[in-house]
Each structure stands twice: as C-alpha cells, then as structure tokens.
N, C-alpha and C. Protein backbone atom coordinates (compact mmCIF):
# COMPACT_ATOMS: atom_id res chain seq x y z
N MET A 1 78.34 108.60 77.14
CA MET A 1 77.07 108.03 77.46
C MET A 1 76.99 106.64 76.83
N HIS A 2 76.47 105.71 77.61
CA HIS A 2 76.30 104.35 77.12
C HIS A 2 74.82 103.98 77.22
N LEU A 3 74.30 103.39 76.21
CA LEU A 3 72.91 102.94 76.24
C LEU A 3 72.88 101.48 76.66
N ILE A 4 71.98 101.18 77.58
CA ILE A 4 71.85 99.82 78.09
C ILE A 4 70.42 99.35 77.86
N LYS A 5 70.31 98.19 77.27
CA LYS A 5 69.00 97.62 76.99
C LYS A 5 68.50 96.91 78.26
N PRO A 6 67.38 97.34 78.81
CA PRO A 6 66.88 96.70 80.04
C PRO A 6 66.54 95.23 79.82
N PHE A 7 66.79 94.41 80.81
CA PHE A 7 66.52 92.97 80.82
C PHE A 7 67.37 92.19 79.82
N ILE A 8 68.24 92.85 79.09
CA ILE A 8 69.13 92.16 78.15
C ILE A 8 70.57 92.32 78.59
N GLU A 9 70.94 93.53 78.93
CA GLU A 9 72.30 93.82 79.38
C GLU A 9 72.29 94.19 80.85
N SER A 10 73.40 93.97 81.50
CA SER A 10 73.51 94.34 82.91
C SER A 10 74.78 95.18 83.11
N VAL A 11 74.78 95.93 84.18
CA VAL A 11 75.90 96.81 84.49
C VAL A 11 76.39 96.49 85.90
N GLN A 12 77.70 96.42 86.05
CA GLN A 12 78.30 96.24 87.36
C GLN A 12 79.33 97.33 87.56
N THR A 13 79.42 97.82 88.77
CA THR A 13 80.41 98.84 89.08
C THR A 13 81.48 98.23 89.99
N PHE A 14 82.71 98.64 89.79
CA PHE A 14 83.84 98.17 90.57
C PHE A 14 84.61 99.37 91.09
N ASP A 15 85.06 99.29 92.31
CA ASP A 15 85.86 100.35 92.90
C ASP A 15 87.32 100.08 92.54
N THR A 16 87.93 100.94 91.74
CA THR A 16 89.31 100.73 91.30
C THR A 16 90.31 101.57 92.08
N ARG A 17 89.85 102.19 93.18
CA ARG A 17 90.78 102.94 94.03
C ARG A 17 91.55 101.98 94.92
N ASP A 18 92.63 102.48 95.53
CA ASP A 18 93.40 101.67 96.47
C ASP A 18 92.52 101.32 97.67
N GLN A 19 92.62 100.07 98.11
CA GLN A 19 91.86 99.61 99.26
C GLN A 19 92.80 98.89 100.21
N LEU A 20 92.42 98.82 101.47
CA LEU A 20 93.23 98.15 102.49
C LEU A 20 92.45 96.99 103.07
N PHE A 21 93.14 95.87 103.27
CA PHE A 21 92.60 94.73 104.00
C PHE A 21 93.50 94.55 105.21
N THR A 22 92.93 94.66 106.42
CA THR A 22 93.71 94.56 107.64
C THR A 22 93.20 93.40 108.47
N SER A 23 94.14 92.56 108.91
CA SER A 23 93.76 91.48 109.81
C SER A 23 93.65 92.05 111.21
N GLY A 24 92.90 91.38 112.07
CA GLY A 24 92.68 91.86 113.43
C GLY A 24 93.92 91.72 114.28
N VAL A 25 94.04 92.62 115.25
CA VAL A 25 95.14 92.59 116.20
C VAL A 25 94.53 92.37 117.57
N GLU A 26 95.10 91.45 118.31
CA GLU A 26 94.59 91.19 119.64
C GLU A 26 95.47 91.87 120.67
N ALA A 27 94.84 92.40 121.68
CA ALA A 27 95.59 93.06 122.75
C ALA A 27 96.35 92.01 123.57
N PRO A 28 97.57 92.34 124.02
CA PRO A 28 98.30 91.37 124.82
C PRO A 28 97.60 91.11 126.14
N GLN A 29 97.63 89.87 126.58
CA GLN A 29 96.98 89.48 127.82
C GLN A 29 98.00 89.46 128.94
N THR A 30 97.57 89.84 130.14
CA THR A 30 98.50 89.82 131.27
C THR A 30 98.68 88.40 131.79
N THR A 31 97.62 87.60 131.77
CA THR A 31 97.71 86.20 132.17
C THR A 31 97.20 85.35 131.03
N PRO A 32 98.08 84.58 130.42
CA PRO A 32 97.63 83.76 129.30
C PRO A 32 96.66 82.68 129.76
N SER A 33 95.62 82.49 129.00
CA SER A 33 94.61 81.49 129.32
C SER A 33 94.32 80.68 128.06
N PRO A 34 94.27 79.35 128.16
CA PRO A 34 94.04 78.53 126.96
C PRO A 34 92.66 78.74 126.35
N THR A 35 91.69 79.21 127.14
CA THR A 35 90.34 79.38 126.60
C THR A 35 90.20 80.68 125.82
N THR A 36 91.06 81.68 126.06
CA THR A 36 90.94 82.95 125.37
C THR A 36 91.92 83.10 124.23
N SER A 37 92.80 82.12 124.00
CA SER A 37 93.74 82.23 122.89
C SER A 37 93.03 81.96 121.58
N SER A 38 93.51 82.57 120.53
CA SER A 38 92.92 82.34 119.21
C SER A 38 94.01 81.98 118.23
N SER A 39 93.64 81.83 116.98
CA SER A 39 94.62 81.40 115.97
C SER A 39 95.63 82.49 115.67
N ARG A 40 95.34 83.76 116.00
CA ARG A 40 96.28 84.83 115.70
C ARG A 40 97.16 85.19 116.88
N SER A 41 96.89 84.68 118.06
CA SER A 41 97.64 85.03 119.24
C SER A 41 98.23 83.76 119.85
N ARG A 42 99.52 83.68 119.96
CA ARG A 42 100.20 82.51 120.50
C ARG A 42 101.17 82.95 121.58
N ALA A 43 101.52 82.04 122.45
CA ALA A 43 102.47 82.34 123.52
C ALA A 43 103.85 81.85 123.10
N ALA A 44 104.86 82.64 123.44
CA ALA A 44 106.25 82.27 123.15
C ALA A 44 106.76 81.36 124.26
N LYS A 45 108.01 80.90 124.12
CA LYS A 45 108.61 80.04 125.14
C LYS A 45 108.68 80.73 126.49
N GLU A 46 108.89 82.05 126.47
CA GLU A 46 109.04 82.79 127.70
C GLU A 46 107.69 83.11 128.36
N GLY A 47 106.57 82.75 127.73
CA GLY A 47 105.26 83.01 128.29
C GLY A 47 104.64 84.31 127.81
N LEU A 48 105.33 85.04 126.95
CA LEU A 48 104.80 86.30 126.43
C LEU A 48 103.79 86.01 125.33
N THR A 49 102.79 86.86 125.23
CA THR A 49 101.79 86.71 124.18
C THR A 49 102.26 87.41 122.92
N LEU A 50 102.21 86.69 121.81
CA LEU A 50 102.61 87.23 120.52
C LEU A 50 101.37 87.44 119.66
N GLY A 51 101.34 88.52 118.92
CA GLY A 51 100.24 88.78 118.00
C GLY A 51 100.78 89.10 116.62
N LEU A 52 99.95 88.96 115.62
CA LEU A 52 100.37 89.22 114.25
C LEU A 52 99.31 90.09 113.58
N ALA A 53 99.74 91.18 112.99
CA ALA A 53 98.83 92.05 112.25
C ALA A 53 99.38 92.22 110.84
N ILE A 54 98.50 92.04 109.87
CA ILE A 54 98.90 92.15 108.46
C ILE A 54 97.96 93.13 107.77
N THR A 55 98.54 94.05 107.02
CA THR A 55 97.76 94.98 106.21
C THR A 55 98.21 94.84 104.76
N VAL A 56 97.24 94.65 103.88
CA VAL A 56 97.53 94.50 102.45
C VAL A 56 96.82 95.62 101.70
N ARG A 57 97.56 96.33 100.88
CA ARG A 57 96.98 97.38 100.03
C ARG A 57 96.81 96.77 98.63
N TYR A 58 95.60 96.87 98.09
CA TYR A 58 95.35 96.30 96.77
C TYR A 58 94.48 97.23 95.95
N ARG A 59 94.48 97.00 94.66
CA ARG A 59 93.66 97.77 93.72
C ARG A 59 93.31 96.87 92.55
N LEU A 60 92.07 96.93 92.11
CA LEU A 60 91.65 96.17 90.94
C LEU A 60 92.20 96.81 89.68
N ASP A 61 92.68 95.98 88.77
CA ASP A 61 93.22 96.47 87.50
C ASP A 61 92.08 96.60 86.50
N PRO A 62 91.73 97.82 86.09
CA PRO A 62 90.59 97.99 85.18
C PRO A 62 90.78 97.30 83.83
N ARG A 63 92.02 97.09 83.41
CA ARG A 63 92.26 96.44 82.12
C ARG A 63 91.96 94.94 82.17
N ARG A 64 91.96 94.35 83.38
CA ARG A 64 91.74 92.92 83.51
C ARG A 64 90.33 92.56 83.97
N LEU A 65 89.50 93.55 84.28
CA LEU A 65 88.16 93.26 84.80
C LEU A 65 87.29 92.50 83.80
N ASP A 66 87.36 92.84 82.53
CA ASP A 66 86.55 92.12 81.55
C ASP A 66 86.98 90.66 81.44
N TYR A 67 88.27 90.40 81.52
CA TYR A 67 88.78 89.03 81.47
C TYR A 67 88.29 88.23 82.67
N ILE A 68 88.36 88.83 83.86
CA ILE A 68 87.95 88.14 85.08
C ILE A 68 86.45 87.89 85.07
N GLN A 69 85.66 88.89 84.71
CA GLN A 69 84.21 88.75 84.70
C GLN A 69 83.74 87.72 83.67
N ALA A 70 84.43 87.60 82.59
CA ALA A 70 84.03 86.63 81.56
C ALA A 70 84.22 85.19 82.02
N ARG A 71 85.15 84.96 82.97
CA ARG A 71 85.45 83.61 83.41
C ARG A 71 84.85 83.23 84.76
N LEU A 72 84.20 84.18 85.44
CA LEU A 72 83.54 83.86 86.71
C LEU A 72 82.20 83.19 86.44
N PRO A 73 81.82 82.25 87.31
CA PRO A 73 80.49 81.64 87.11
C PRO A 73 79.38 82.64 87.40
N LYS A 74 78.33 82.58 86.65
CA LYS A 74 77.18 83.47 86.82
C LYS A 74 76.25 82.89 87.89
N PRO A 75 75.68 83.74 88.75
CA PRO A 75 74.77 83.22 89.79
C PRO A 75 73.45 82.75 89.21
C-alpha cells in the first residue's frame, strides 16, 4: 500500500505488457490510379502495386520509467 498526498503528489499508470504497433496495409489495386496512391503503396516497373506492412512489438521497461518521466517536460 502506498499513501498519496492529494494535490501534492500524482500517480501515473503505465502498461508494461507487450504491445504491437502495426502500420496499415493497402489492398492491391487492379488499375493503378495516381489519385488513389498513397505514401505506403507504390507501383513497380512492371505496373504491379507494391505495399509495405510493418509490425513492431514493444514493451516499456519498468526500471527506466522513473528516468524517462523525470526528464519529460511537464504539461
């Protein structure tokens, strides 16, 4: 049990479980159009649509949270 003094101390909670960050995947187009292309979908030399999907698994290190919080600017 931890005692917290109201209006003097604050508490923040952090999720330290594994988390996933996934970039969007675009469906291949049958007819490439310059107006519907985006930064993640490009056409190859042969005219085929290429897409890129990236998934990153990350977890916050509980031993470093106090160091990070001490150096972040306060709102």
